[in-house]
Structure formats: structure tokens, C-alpha cells
Amino acid sequence: MIVGGNITEITQFILLGFSDFRRVTAVLFVTFLLIYITSLTGNLSLLVLIRMDSHLHTPMYFFLSNLSFIDLCYVSSTVPVMLSNFFQQQQTITFVGCVFQYFIFSTMGLSESYLMTAMAYDRYAAICNPLLYSSIMSPTLCVRMVLGCYMAGLTGSLSQICALLQLHFCGPNVIRHFFCDMPQLLTLSCTDTFFVQVLTAILTMICGIANALVIMISYGYIVMSIMKITSATGRSKAFNTCASHLTAVSLFYASSIFVYLSSSSGGSSSFDRFASVLYTMVIPMLNPLIYSLRNKEIKDAFQRLRKKMVHC
């Protein structure tokens, strides 16, 4: 497509994916497919269980159900395209498709970051103000907090998309990754990307650093409250109520920081692509396992659902 005289705009990109690993293509496809199926099954099961079991209609599980929904959208924004490309001779994606993929990926990723902060506040209220917990974490506040997470994620993503649409892409058109990520798109632009880079840095500071700081402060107060509990049983019980969330937060931020610090400024190496699998596919698969394996309430809810299905 010709724009403004001499600039030829690219209408589609080629996703390199893992096409340079032809010897292990079948192994990679089966591995990624199993991870995707496990992620879908785990998050859908948790979502349905929380919806169907009235014992789980509490603020903590309301946030957890939204985390499962976000992870479903997050992993589905990249993995199906990547899996289908294993069978394509030419692994292409249109410019519009590329922008839309990044929009969903970015919106869900940013929303999850804010949701982790909301969940940390929920654990803070439960541990530090147990007597006032029900009044503090009212259903209205929980809904507003979740909507705020989605709106913040949507706003951050739309601002990036608007800035991205101002750029021109006139070649080359090969994205050395398995999905359309911002660093890779910026390296392909034939116009100045300084504004987009500054915007991305600001969003990273607001979304990443600010949320991580609020979470750390919340857990600082939680630890101090737990240390004031005299009985070892009481301390263990209080810690177990937030251990799953702390594990999920640690994996979420550690994997994201690791990948973006190790990435080679947009020119995605083989290591960068495999490292990206960690936060795009593995983390959404692990989250439902983290929250359910050692959770007695989830296990009891599964038992009740199983008995109900048997009697039906």
C-alpha cells in the first residue's frame, strides 16, 4: 500500500515463531499444545467452580475468578496463532491482526498487574483488619476494584495502540518472535519511535513499579501483623491465607522482569523467544495450580461439586 508518495506501507508481517527449529517442531508443538490445554482446563475449571459453589462467593475468590478469566484471554491472545503457524508454509499475520493481538495481550497483561495489587489489598484487609474485613471488602468495593483494574489495563493498552498506529512500517516485515510484541514492532518501524518508547517506559513505571511497590508495602504490614500473633498455629494459618498470592505475584513479576531485562532490544533471539514462553504460557498454566493444590476450600468445593454431579 502506497502512502504519502514514496512510502510503501506493509500490510502484513511474517512471524518467525520457532520455524528455525525444524528438527524439534513436532516436540515443540506437542509441548505448547499440552501447556495450552492445561492452562485452559485449569482456569476454566476454577472459574466454573467459583461460580457454582456458594461457599466460594467471597472477595478473595471473586478476585481469583477474574484472574482466571484474564489468564484465559491472555494465553489465548498468542498461543492459538503460534500453534497454527507450525503448520503454515508462510507464517503471516496482517497488520490489523498484529495490532489487535497486541491490544488483547497488553490489556490483559496490564489488567493482571493491577489485579495482583487489588488481591494484595484484599489479603492486607483480611490479615490486618479481620474484624472489619466484611465491611471493608464489600461486594460494591470488590466490583469497583475489578472494573478499575480492567479500565486501567484498557487505558494503558489503548494509549500504546494509538501511538503505534502513528508509526509507518515500510520493511523489513519479519518479526523474530511467535507473537506481535511492542519491542519487535518498534525495530521494524521506519519512522522515529522515541515517543512510543517513552510512553512504554512511563507505563512500565506506573503499572509495574508502582503496583509492585503497593504490593510490597501491603505485605510489609501483613508480615508485621503475622509476627504479632502469639501462637504458631495462628501464624501458620495467617501465612497460608496469602502464600498462594505471594507465590503467584513473585512468578508474575520475576518472569516479566527476567524476560525484558534479557531481551536484546527488540531483536528477539532464540533465548528470548523461549524465555517469553514462561510468562505468556507457563504462568497462566501455573496460577490455577498454585491457588488450588494447597487450598482446602477449593478441594472441599471440588468434592461438593463431584458429589452433586454423582447424585444427578
C-alpha atoms as a PDB file:
ATOM      1  CA  MET A   1       0.000   0.000   0.000  1.00  0.00           C
ATOM      2  CA  ILE A   2       1.458   3.363  -1.072  1.00  0.00           C
ATOM      3  CA  VAL A   3       1.172   6.212   1.445  1.00  0.00           C
ATOM      4  CA  GLY A   4       2.343   9.801   1.044  1.00  0.00           C
ATOM      5  CA  GLY A   5       4.118   9.362  -2.282  1.00  0.00           C
ATOM      6  CA  ASN A   6       7.214   7.212  -1.815  1.00  0.00           C
ATOM      7  CA  ILE A   7       6.446   5.258   1.384  1.00  0.00           C
ATOM      8  CA  THR A   8       5.145   1.749   0.842  1.00  0.00           C
ATOM      9  CA  GLU A   9       3.213   0.627   3.908  1.00  0.00           C
ATOM     10  CA  ILE A  10       3.452  -3.014   4.999  1.00  0.00           C
ATOM     11  CA  THR A  11       0.065  -4.730   5.189  1.00  0.00           C
ATOM     12  CA  GLN A  12       1.262  -7.981   6.768  1.00  0.00           C
ATOM     13  CA  PHE A  13       4.102  -9.320   8.886  1.00  0.00           C
ATOM     14  CA  ILE A  14       5.874 -12.675   8.929  1.00  0.00           C
ATOM     15  CA  LEU A  15       6.018 -14.255  12.399  1.00  0.00           C
ATOM     16  CA  LEU A  16       9.237 -16.248  12.610  1.00  0.00           C
ATOM     17  CA  GLY A  17       7.991 -18.156  15.661  1.00  0.00           C
ATOM     18  CA  PHE A  18      10.009 -21.350  16.126  1.00  0.00           C
ATOM     19  CA  SER A  19      10.351 -22.113  12.405  1.00  0.00           C
ATOM     20  CA  ASP A  20      14.161 -22.170  12.711  1.00  0.00           C
ATOM     21  CA  PHE A  21      13.908 -25.262  14.953  1.00  0.00           C
ATOM     22  CA  ARG A  22      12.633 -27.658  12.301  1.00  0.00           C
ATOM     23  CA  ARG A  23      14.227 -30.737  13.876  1.00  0.00           C
ATOM     24  CA  VAL A  24      12.138 -30.387  17.038  1.00  0.00           C
ATOM     25  CA  THR A  25       8.999 -28.835  15.514  1.00  0.00           C
ATOM     26  CA  ALA A  26       6.774 -31.778  16.495  1.00  0.00           C
ATOM     27  CA  VAL A  27       8.130 -31.799  20.059  1.00  0.00           C
ATOM     28  CA  LEU A  28       7.594 -28.049  20.448  1.00  0.00           C
ATOM     29  CA  PHE A  29       4.074 -28.226  19.030  1.00  0.00           C
ATOM     30  CA  VAL A  30       3.003 -31.056  21.360  1.00  0.00           C
ATOM     31  CA  THR A  31       4.628 -29.365  24.380  1.00  0.00           C
ATOM     32  CA  PHE A  32       2.990 -25.993  23.731  1.00  0.00           C
ATOM     33  CA  LEU A  33      -0.356 -27.633  22.940  1.00  0.00           C
ATOM     34  CA  LEU A  34      -0.295 -29.552  26.243  1.00  0.00           C
ATOM     35  CA  ILE A  35       0.596 -26.381  28.145  1.00  0.00           C
ATOM     36  CA  TYR A  36      -2.256 -24.514  26.433  1.00  0.00           C
ATOM     37  CA  ILE A  37      -4.801 -27.287  27.108  1.00  0.00           C
ATOM     38  CA  THR A  38      -3.689 -27.497  30.752  1.00  0.00           C
ATOM     39  CA  SER A  39      -3.985 -23.725  31.098  1.00  0.00           C
ATOM     40  CA  LEU A  40      -7.477 -23.666  29.549  1.00  0.00           C
ATOM     41  CA  THR A  41      -8.660 -26.612  31.647  1.00  0.00           C
ATOM     42  CA  GLY A  42      -7.269 -25.282  34.923  1.00  0.00           C
ATOM     43  CA  ASN A  43      -8.540 -21.725  34.549  1.00  0.00           C
ATOM     44  CA  LEU A  44     -11.957 -22.742  33.185  1.00  0.00           C
ATOM     45  CA  SER A  45     -12.400 -25.303  35.970  1.00  0.00           C
ATOM     46  CA  LEU A  46     -11.538 -22.727  38.623  1.00  0.00           C
ATOM     47  CA  LEU A  47     -13.825 -20.160  37.023  1.00  0.00           C
ATOM     48  CA  VAL A  48     -16.783 -22.571  36.879  1.00  0.00           C
ATOM     49  CA  LEU A  49     -16.157 -23.915  40.382  1.00  0.00           C
ATOM     50  CA  ILE A  50     -16.118 -20.459  41.961  1.00  0.00           C
ATOM     51  CA  ARG A  51     -19.264 -19.513  40.050  1.00  0.00           C
ATOM     52  CA  MET A  52     -21.181 -22.665  41.054  1.00  0.00           C
ATOM     53  CA  ASP A  53     -20.144 -23.049  44.709  1.00  0.00           C
ATOM     54  CA  SER A  54     -21.765 -20.505  47.043  1.00  0.00           C
ATOM     55  CA  HIS A  55     -19.101 -21.175  49.712  1.00  0.00           C
ATOM     56  CA  LEU A  56     -16.576 -19.529  47.387  1.00  0.00           C
ATOM     57  CA  HIS A  57     -18.584 -16.327  46.878  1.00  0.00           C
ATOM     58  CA  THR A  58     -16.108 -14.250  48.878  1.00  0.00           C
ATOM     59  CA  PRO A  59     -13.877 -11.305  47.870  1.00  0.00           C
ATOM     60  CA  MET A  60     -10.746 -13.465  47.584  1.00  0.00           C
ATOM     61  CA  TYR A  61     -12.377 -15.924  45.184  1.00  0.00           C
ATOM     62  CA  PHE A  62     -14.114 -13.138  43.283  1.00  0.00           C
ATOM     63  CA  PHE A  63     -10.677 -11.712  42.502  1.00  0.00           C
ATOM     64  CA  LEU A  64      -9.373 -15.204  41.748  1.00  0.00           C
ATOM     65  CA  SER A  65     -12.169 -15.863  39.239  1.00  0.00           C
ATOM     66  CA  ASN A  66     -11.243 -12.658  37.439  1.00  0.00           C
ATOM     67  CA  LEU A  67      -7.583 -13.711  37.457  1.00  0.00           C
ATOM     68  CA  SER A  68      -8.618 -16.970  35.761  1.00  0.00           C
ATOM     69  CA  PHE A  69     -10.637 -15.029  33.169  1.00  0.00           C
ATOM     70  CA  ILE A  70      -7.698 -12.718  32.458  1.00  0.00           C
ATOM     71  CA  ASP A  71      -5.307 -15.658  32.120  1.00  0.00           C
ATOM     72  CA  LEU A  72      -7.696 -17.357  29.680  1.00  0.00           C
ATOM     73  CA  CYS A  73      -7.761 -14.263  27.460  1.00  0.00           C
ATOM     74  CA  TYR A  74      -4.040 -13.616  27.976  1.00  0.00           C
ATOM     75  CA  VAL A  75      -2.864 -17.066  26.878  1.00  0.00           C
ATOM     76  CA  SER A  76      -5.457 -17.273  24.078  1.00  0.00           C
ATOM     77  CA  SER A  77      -4.258 -13.995  22.551  1.00  0.00           C
ATOM     78  CA  THR A  78      -0.957 -15.537  21.440  1.00  0.00           C
ATOM     79  CA  VAL A  79      -0.877 -19.346  21.668  1.00  0.00           C
ATOM     80  CA  PRO A  80      -3.562 -20.341  19.076  1.00  0.00           C
ATOM     81  CA  VAL A  81      -1.859 -18.236  16.381  1.00  0.00           C
ATOM     82  CA  MET A  82       1.529 -19.645  17.351  1.00  0.00           C
ATOM     83  CA  LEU A  83       0.244 -23.242  17.241  1.00  0.00           C
ATOM     84  CA  SER A  84      -1.454 -22.761  13.858  1.00  0.00           C
ATOM     85  CA  ASN A  85       1.760 -21.314  12.427  1.00  0.00           C
ATOM     86  CA  PHE A  86       3.527 -24.635  12.990  1.00  0.00           C
ATOM     87  CA  PHE A  87       1.518 -25.949  10.017  1.00  0.00           C
ATOM     88  CA  GLN A  88       1.763 -22.853   7.803  1.00  0.00           C
ATOM     89  CA  GLN A  89       4.248 -22.608   4.958  1.00  0.00           C
ATOM     90  CA  GLN A  90       4.169 -18.810   5.267  1.00  0.00           C
ATOM     91  CA  GLN A  91       3.589 -17.689   8.846  1.00  0.00           C
ATOM     92  CA  THR A  92       1.962 -14.352   8.132  1.00  0.00           C
ATOM     93  CA  ILE A  93      -0.287 -12.060  10.159  1.00  0.00           C
ATOM     94  CA  THR A  94      -1.965  -8.916   8.845  1.00  0.00           C
ATOM     95  CA  PHE A  95      -1.067  -5.518  10.278  1.00  0.00           C
ATOM     96  CA  VAL A  96      -4.580  -5.192  11.716  1.00  0.00           C
ATOM     97  CA  GLY A  97      -4.352  -8.696  13.183  1.00  0.00           C
ATOM     98  CA  CYS A  98      -0.969  -7.883  14.675  1.00  0.00           C
ATOM     99  CA  VAL A  99      -2.256  -4.694  16.324  1.00  0.00           C
ATOM    100  CA  PHE A 100      -5.353  -6.484  17.623  1.00  0.00           C
ATOM    101  CA  GLN A 101      -3.248  -9.323  19.054  1.00  0.00           C
ATOM    102  CA  TYR A 102      -1.011  -6.891  20.905  1.00  0.00           C
ATOM    103  CA  PHE A 103      -4.056  -4.945  22.118  1.00  0.00           C
ATOM    104  CA  ILE A 104      -5.572  -8.046  23.789  1.00  0.00           C
ATOM    105  CA  PHE A 105      -2.197  -9.217  25.089  1.00  0.00           C
ATOM    106  CA  SER A 106      -1.310  -5.815  26.519  1.00  0.00           C
ATOM    107  CA  THR A 107      -4.773  -5.153  28.003  1.00  0.00           C
ATOM    108  CA  MET A 108      -4.838  -8.482  29.827  1.00  0.00           C
ATOM    109  CA  GLY A 109      -1.220  -8.227  30.969  1.00  0.00           C
ATOM    110  CA  LEU A 110      -1.693  -4.732  32.397  1.00  0.00           C
ATOM    111  CA  SER A 111      -5.037  -5.678  33.962  1.00  0.00           C
ATOM    112  CA  GLU A 112      -3.446  -8.679  35.669  1.00  0.00           C
ATOM    113  CA  SER A 113      -0.764  -6.444  37.148  1.00  0.00           C
ATOM    114  CA  TYR A 114      -3.418  -4.172  38.683  1.00  0.00           C
ATOM    115  CA  LEU A 115      -5.493  -7.173  39.796  1.00  0.00           C
ATOM    116  CA  MET A 116      -2.484  -8.586  41.666  1.00  0.00           C
ATOM    117  CA  THR A 117      -2.376  -5.299  43.575  1.00  0.00           C
ATOM    118  CA  ALA A 118      -6.104  -5.484  44.371  1.00  0.00           C
ATOM    119  CA  MET A 119      -5.626  -9.047  45.624  1.00  0.00           C
ATOM    120  CA  ALA A 120      -2.736  -7.897  47.833  1.00  0.00           C
ATOM    121  CA  TYR A 121      -5.006  -5.239  49.370  1.00  0.00           C
ATOM    122  CA  ASP A 122      -7.643  -7.928  49.968  1.00  0.00           C
ATOM    123  CA  ARG A 123      -5.087 -10.063  51.851  1.00  0.00           C
ATOM    124  CA  TYR A 124      -3.978  -6.973  53.798  1.00  0.00           C
ATOM    125  CA  ALA A 125      -7.566  -6.300  54.884  1.00  0.00           C
ATOM    126  CA  ALA A 126      -8.082  -9.968  55.830  1.00  0.00           C
ATOM    127  CA  ILE A 127      -4.903 -10.266  57.929  1.00  0.00           C
ATOM    128  CA  CYS A 128      -4.553  -6.770  59.396  1.00  0.00           C
ATOM    129  CA  ASN A 129      -8.261  -5.971  59.946  1.00  0.00           C
ATOM    130  CA  PRO A 130     -10.014  -9.340  60.321  1.00  0.00           C
ATOM    131  CA  LEU A 131     -12.919  -7.974  62.381  1.00  0.00           C
ATOM    132  CA  LEU A 132     -13.656  -5.245  59.813  1.00  0.00           C
ATOM    133  CA  TYR A 133     -12.880  -7.373  56.740  1.00  0.00           C
ATOM    134  CA  SER A 134     -16.503  -7.925  55.676  1.00  0.00           C
ATOM    135  CA  SER A 135     -17.338  -4.243  55.897  1.00  0.00           C
ATOM    136  CA  ILE A 136     -14.101  -3.112  54.230  1.00  0.00           C
ATOM    137  CA  MET A 137     -14.247  -5.570  51.316  1.00  0.00           C
ATOM    138  CA  SER A 138     -17.895  -5.052  50.472  1.00  0.00           C
ATOM    139  CA  PRO A 139     -19.275  -6.514  47.204  1.00  0.00           C
ATOM    140  CA  THR A 140     -19.581  -2.984  45.785  1.00  0.00           C
ATOM    141  CA  LEU A 141     -15.935  -2.182  46.517  1.00  0.00           C
ATOM    142  CA  CYS A 142     -14.788  -5.506  45.042  1.00  0.00           C
ATOM    143  CA  VAL A 143     -16.673  -4.873  41.791  1.00  0.00           C
ATOM    144  CA  ARG A 144     -15.311  -1.329  41.591  1.00  0.00           C
ATOM    145  CA  MET A 145     -11.754  -2.532  42.184  1.00  0.00           C
ATOM    146  CA  VAL A 146     -12.009  -5.170  39.450  1.00  0.00           C
ATOM    147  CA  LEU A 147     -13.583  -2.724  36.998  1.00  0.00           C
ATOM    148  CA  GLY A 148     -10.810  -0.269  37.867  1.00  0.00           C
ATOM    149  CA  CYS A 149      -8.209  -2.944  37.030  1.00  0.00           C
ATOM    150  CA  TYR A 150      -9.789  -3.587  33.630  1.00  0.00           C
ATOM    151  CA  MET A 151     -10.157   0.128  32.875  1.00  0.00           C
ATOM    152  CA  ALA A 152      -6.553   0.844  33.863  1.00  0.00           C
ATOM    153  CA  GLY A 153      -5.346  -2.016  31.662  1.00  0.00           C
ATOM    154  CA  LEU A 154      -7.552  -0.898  28.777  1.00  0.00           C
ATOM    155  CA  THR A 155      -6.407   2.726  29.059  1.00  0.00           C
ATOM    156  CA  GLY A 156      -2.729   1.764  29.111  1.00  0.00           C
ATOM    157  CA  SER A 157      -3.143  -0.576  26.156  1.00  0.00           C
ATOM    158  CA  LEU A 158      -5.157   1.909  24.066  1.00  0.00           C
ATOM    159  CA  SER A 159      -2.538   4.608  24.629  1.00  0.00           C
ATOM    160  CA  GLN A 160       0.140   2.263  23.269  1.00  0.00           C
ATOM    161  CA  ILE A 161      -2.017   1.252  20.310  1.00  0.00           C
ATOM    162  CA  CYS A 162      -2.759   4.886  19.421  1.00  0.00           C
ATOM    163  CA  ALA A 163       0.967   5.675  19.492  1.00  0.00           C
ATOM    164  CA  LEU A 164       1.751   2.518  17.486  1.00  0.00           C
ATOM    165  CA  LEU A 165      -0.727   3.471  14.761  1.00  0.00           C
ATOM    166  CA  GLN A 166       1.174   6.719  14.202  1.00  0.00           C
ATOM    167  CA  LEU A 167       4.230   4.762  13.062  1.00  0.00           C
ATOM    168  CA  HIS A 168       4.990   3.699   9.493  1.00  0.00           C
ATOM    169  CA  PHE A 169       6.202   0.227   8.547  1.00  0.00           C
ATOM    170  CA  CYS A 170       7.877   0.052   5.146  1.00  0.00           C
ATOM    171  CA  GLY A 171      10.131  -3.010   5.503  1.00  0.00           C
ATOM    172  CA  PRO A 172      11.538  -5.406   6.561  1.00  0.00           C
ATOM    173  CA  ASN A 173       8.462  -7.230   7.827  1.00  0.00           C
ATOM    174  CA  VAL A 174       9.880 -10.269   9.667  1.00  0.00           C
ATOM    175  CA  ILE A 175       9.036 -10.397  13.378  1.00  0.00           C
ATOM    176  CA  ARG A 176      11.572 -12.639  15.107  1.00  0.00           C
ATOM    177  CA  HIS A 177       9.044 -13.803  17.693  1.00  0.00           C
ATOM    178  CA  PHE A 178       5.946 -16.005  17.970  1.00  0.00           C
ATOM    179  CA  PHE A 179       3.602 -13.049  18.591  1.00  0.00           C
ATOM    180  CA  CYS A 180       3.402  -9.314  17.937  1.00  0.00           C
ATOM    181  CA  ASP A 181       5.199  -7.697  20.858  1.00  0.00           C
ATOM    182  CA  MET A 182       5.965  -3.990  21.114  1.00  0.00           C
ATOM    183  CA  PRO A 183       9.822  -4.177  21.135  1.00  0.00           C
ATOM    184  CA  GLN A 184       9.835  -6.240  17.934  1.00  0.00           C
ATOM    185  CA  LEU A 185       7.349  -3.908  16.209  1.00  0.00           C
ATOM    186  CA  LEU A 186       9.399  -0.826  17.116  1.00  0.00           C
ATOM    187  CA  THR A 187      12.537  -2.253  15.479  1.00  0.00           C
ATOM    188  CA  LEU A 188      10.602  -2.695  12.205  1.00  0.00           C
ATOM    189  CA  SER A 189       9.293   0.877  12.079  1.00  0.00           C
ATOM    190  CA  CYS A 190      10.874   3.201   9.518  1.00  0.00           C
ATOM    191  CA  THR A 191       9.853   6.306  11.496  1.00  0.00           C
ATOM    192  CA  ASP A 192      11.076   7.727  14.802  1.00  0.00           C
ATOM    193  CA  THR A 193       9.898   5.582  17.745  1.00  0.00           C
ATOM    194  CA  PHE A 194      11.159   7.811  20.571  1.00  0.00           C
ATOM    195  CA  PHE A 195       7.678   8.862  21.730  1.00  0.00           C
ATOM    196  CA  VAL A 196       6.413   5.264  21.821  1.00  0.00           C
ATOM    197  CA  GLN A 197       9.492   4.155  23.750  1.00  0.00           C
ATOM    198  CA  VAL A 198       8.998   6.948  26.316  1.00  0.00           C
ATOM    199  CA  LEU A 199       5.309   6.065  26.625  1.00  0.00           C
ATOM    200  CA  THR A 200       6.148   2.391  27.146  1.00  0.00           C
ATOM    201  CA  ALA A 201       8.723   3.324  29.793  1.00  0.00           C
ATOM    202  CA  ILE A 202       6.176   5.506  31.620  1.00  0.00           C
ATOM    203  CA  LEU A 203       3.564   2.741  31.539  1.00  0.00           C
ATOM    204  CA  THR A 204       6.150   0.272  32.845  1.00  0.00           C
ATOM    205  CA  MET A 205       6.938   2.596  35.752  1.00  0.00           C
ATOM    206  CA  ILE A 206       3.279   3.253  36.579  1.00  0.00           C
ATOM    207  CA  CYS A 207       1.962  -0.255  36.052  1.00  0.00           C
ATOM    208  CA  GLY A 208       4.963  -2.344  37.003  1.00  0.00           C
ATOM    209  CA  ILE A 209       6.944  -0.427  39.606  1.00  0.00           C
ATOM    210  CA  ALA A 210       4.009   1.360  41.299  1.00  0.00           C
ATOM    211  CA  ASN A 211       1.946  -1.830  41.578  1.00  0.00           C
ATOM    212  CA  ALA A 212       4.935  -3.817  42.834  1.00  0.00           C
ATOM    213  CA  LEU A 213       5.602  -1.101  45.429  1.00  0.00           C
ATOM    214  CA  VAL A 214       1.994  -1.174  46.699  1.00  0.00           C
ATOM    215  CA  ILE A 215       2.162  -4.977  46.913  1.00  0.00           C
ATOM    216  CA  MET A 216       5.427  -4.851  48.881  1.00  0.00           C
ATOM    217  CA  ILE A 217       4.005  -2.262  51.293  1.00  0.00           C
ATOM    218  CA  SER A 218       0.868  -4.378  51.778  1.00  0.00           C
ATOM    219  CA  TYR A 219       2.936  -7.456  52.551  1.00  0.00           C
ATOM    220  CA  GLY A 220       5.144  -5.430  54.859  1.00  0.00           C
ATOM    221  CA  TYR A 221       2.080  -4.662  57.004  1.00  0.00           C
ATOM    222  CA  ILE A 222       0.903  -8.279  56.661  1.00  0.00           C
ATOM    223  CA  VAL A 223       4.240  -9.643  57.934  1.00  0.00           C
ATOM    224  CA  MET A 224       4.189  -7.240  60.893  1.00  0.00           C
ATOM    225  CA  SER A 225       0.633  -8.316  61.758  1.00  0.00           C
ATOM    226  CA  ILE A 226       1.542 -12.008  61.493  1.00  0.00           C
ATOM    227  CA  MET A 227       4.562 -11.530  63.781  1.00  0.00           C
ATOM    228  CA  LYS A 228       2.248 -10.114  66.470  1.00  0.00           C
ATOM    229  CA  ILE A 229       0.249 -13.367  66.573  1.00  0.00           C
ATOM    230  CA  THR A 230       1.392 -15.318  69.622  1.00  0.00           C
ATOM    231  CA  SER A 231       0.505 -18.896  68.624  1.00  0.00           C
ATOM    232  CA  ALA A 232       2.496 -20.777  65.990  1.00  0.00           C
ATOM    233  CA  THR A 233      -0.742 -22.279  64.637  1.00  0.00           C
ATOM    234  CA  GLY A 234      -2.256 -18.822  64.231  1.00  0.00           C
ATOM    235  CA  ARG A 235       0.834 -17.531  62.426  1.00  0.00           C
ATOM    236  CA  SER A 236       0.867 -20.550  60.112  1.00  0.00           C
ATOM    237  CA  LYS A 237      -2.827 -20.155  59.284  1.00  0.00           C
ATOM    238  CA  ALA A 238      -2.431 -16.426  58.608  1.00  0.00           C
ATOM    239  CA  PHE A 239       0.579 -17.024  56.355  1.00  0.00           C
ATOM    240  CA  ASN A 240      -1.184 -19.786  54.405  1.00  0.00           C
ATOM    241  CA  THR A 241      -4.028 -17.397  53.510  1.00  0.00           C
ATOM    242  CA  CYS A 242      -1.656 -15.222  51.478  1.00  0.00           C
ATOM    243  CA  ALA A 243       1.087 -17.710  50.485  1.00  0.00           C
ATOM    244  CA  SER A 244      -0.597 -18.596  47.169  1.00  0.00           C
ATOM    245  CA  HIS A 245      -0.979 -14.966  46.137  1.00  0.00           C
ATOM    246  CA  LEU A 246       2.600 -14.160  47.139  1.00  0.00           C
ATOM    247  CA  THR A 247       3.843 -17.095  45.031  1.00  0.00           C
ATOM    248  CA  ALA A 248       1.764 -16.003  42.015  1.00  0.00           C
ATOM    249  CA  VAL A 249       2.943 -12.377  42.339  1.00  0.00           C
ATOM    250  CA  SER A 250       6.575 -13.456  42.613  1.00  0.00           C
ATOM    251  CA  LEU A 251       6.332 -15.626  39.482  1.00  0.00           C
ATOM    252  CA  PHE A 252       4.452 -12.933  37.532  1.00  0.00           C
ATOM    253  CA  TYR A 253       6.932 -10.127  38.218  1.00  0.00           C
ATOM    254  CA  ALA A 254      10.088 -12.258  38.256  1.00  0.00           C
ATOM    255  CA  SER A 255       9.319 -13.798  34.847  1.00  0.00           C
ATOM    256  CA  SER A 256       8.365 -10.443  33.283  1.00  0.00           C
ATOM    257  CA  ILE A 257      11.456  -8.661  34.625  1.00  0.00           C
ATOM    258  CA  PHE A 258      13.724 -11.548  33.612  1.00  0.00           C
ATOM    259  CA  VAL A 259      12.440 -11.608  30.028  1.00  0.00           C
ATOM    260  CA  TYR A 260      12.515  -7.861  29.441  1.00  0.00           C
ATOM    261  CA  LEU A 261      15.948  -7.416  31.007  1.00  0.00           C
ATOM    262  CA  SER A 262      17.374 -10.296  28.987  1.00  0.00           C
ATOM    263  CA  SER A 263      15.735  -9.300  25.694  1.00  0.00           C
ATOM    264  CA  SER A 264      18.092  -7.871  23.111  1.00  0.00           C
ATOM    265  CA  SER A 265      16.374  -4.546  22.417  1.00  0.00           C
ATOM    266  CA  GLY A 266      13.660  -5.928  20.209  1.00  0.00           C
ATOM    267  CA  GLY A 267      15.816  -8.239  18.120  1.00  0.00           C
ATOM    268  CA  SER A 268      14.393 -11.398  19.654  1.00  0.00           C
ATOM    269  CA  SER A 269      16.995 -14.158  19.912  1.00  0.00           C
ATOM    270  CA  SER A 270      16.175 -17.837  20.331  1.00  0.00           C
ATOM    271  CA  PHE A 271      16.695 -17.483  24.074  1.00  0.00           C
ATOM    272  CA  ASP A 272      14.291 -14.514  24.229  1.00  0.00           C
ATOM    273  CA  ARG A 273      11.584 -16.471  22.428  1.00  0.00           C
ATOM    274  CA  PHE A 274      11.851 -19.478  24.737  1.00  0.00           C
ATOM    275  CA  ALA A 275      12.046 -17.183  27.771  1.00  0.00           C
ATOM    276  CA  SER A 276       8.851 -15.438  26.632  1.00  0.00           C
ATOM    277  CA  VAL A 277       7.070 -18.793  26.799  1.00  0.00           C
ATOM    278  CA  LEU A 278       7.487 -18.540  30.585  1.00  0.00           C
ATOM    279  CA  TYR A 279       5.239 -15.506  31.104  1.00  0.00           C
ATOM    280  CA  THR A 280       2.939 -15.939  28.085  1.00  0.00           C
ATOM    281  CA  MET A 281       2.118 -19.634  28.579  1.00  0.00           C
ATOM    282  CA  VAL A 282       3.608 -21.209  31.711  1.00  0.00           C
ATOM    283  CA  ILE A 283       2.460 -18.610  34.273  1.00  0.00           C
ATOM    284  CA  PRO A 284      -1.232 -18.748  33.163  1.00  0.00           C
ATOM    285  CA  MET A 285      -0.974 -22.545  33.438  1.00  0.00           C
ATOM    286  CA  LEU A 286       0.565 -22.428  36.938  1.00  0.00           C
ATOM    287  CA  ASN A 287      -1.796 -19.863  38.508  1.00  0.00           C
ATOM    288  CA  PRO A 288      -4.816 -22.194  38.962  1.00  0.00           C
ATOM    289  CA  LEU A 289      -2.478 -24.902  40.307  1.00  0.00           C
ATOM    290  CA  ILE A 290      -0.890 -22.506  42.788  1.00  0.00           C
ATOM    291  CA  TYR A 291      -4.276 -21.398  44.131  1.00  0.00           C
ATOM    292  CA  SER A 292      -5.854 -24.848  44.323  1.00  0.00           C
ATOM    293  CA  LEU A 293      -3.249 -27.505  45.201  1.00  0.00           C
ATOM    294  CA  ARG A 294      -2.867 -26.497  48.862  1.00  0.00           C
ATOM    295  CA  ASN A 295      -6.218 -24.757  49.233  1.00  0.00           C
ATOM    296  CA  LYS A 296      -8.646 -26.690  51.451  1.00  0.00           C
ATOM    297  CA  GLU A 297     -11.642 -24.568  50.425  1.00  0.00           C
ATOM    298  CA  ILE A 298     -11.035 -25.288  46.733  1.00  0.00           C
ATOM    299  CA  LYS A 299     -10.591 -29.007  47.432  1.00  0.00           C
ATOM    300  CA  ASP A 300     -13.804 -29.097  49.502  1.00  0.00           C
ATOM    301  CA  ALA A 301     -15.658 -27.263  46.720  1.00  0.00           C
ATOM    302  CA  PHE A 302     -14.446 -29.854  44.181  1.00  0.00           C
ATOM    303  CA  GLN A 303     -15.712 -32.631  46.464  1.00  0.00           C
ATOM    304  CA  ARG A 304     -19.123 -30.966  46.809  1.00  0.00           C
ATOM    305  CA  LEU A 305     -19.364 -30.482  43.047  1.00  0.00           C
ATOM    306  CA  ARG A 306     -18.345 -34.112  42.413  1.00  0.00           C
ATOM    307  CA  LYS A 307     -20.976 -35.412  44.841  1.00  0.00           C
ATOM    308  CA  LYS A 308     -23.610 -33.166  43.273  1.00  0.00           C
ATOM    309  CA  MET A 309     -22.765 -34.486  39.792  1.00  0.00           C
ATOM    310  CA  VAL A 310     -22.864 -38.117  41.006  1.00  0.00           C
ATOM    311  CA  HIS A 311     -26.315 -37.668  42.561  1.00  0.00           C
ATOM    312  CA  CYS A 312     -27.601 -36.011  39.404  1.00  0.00           C
END
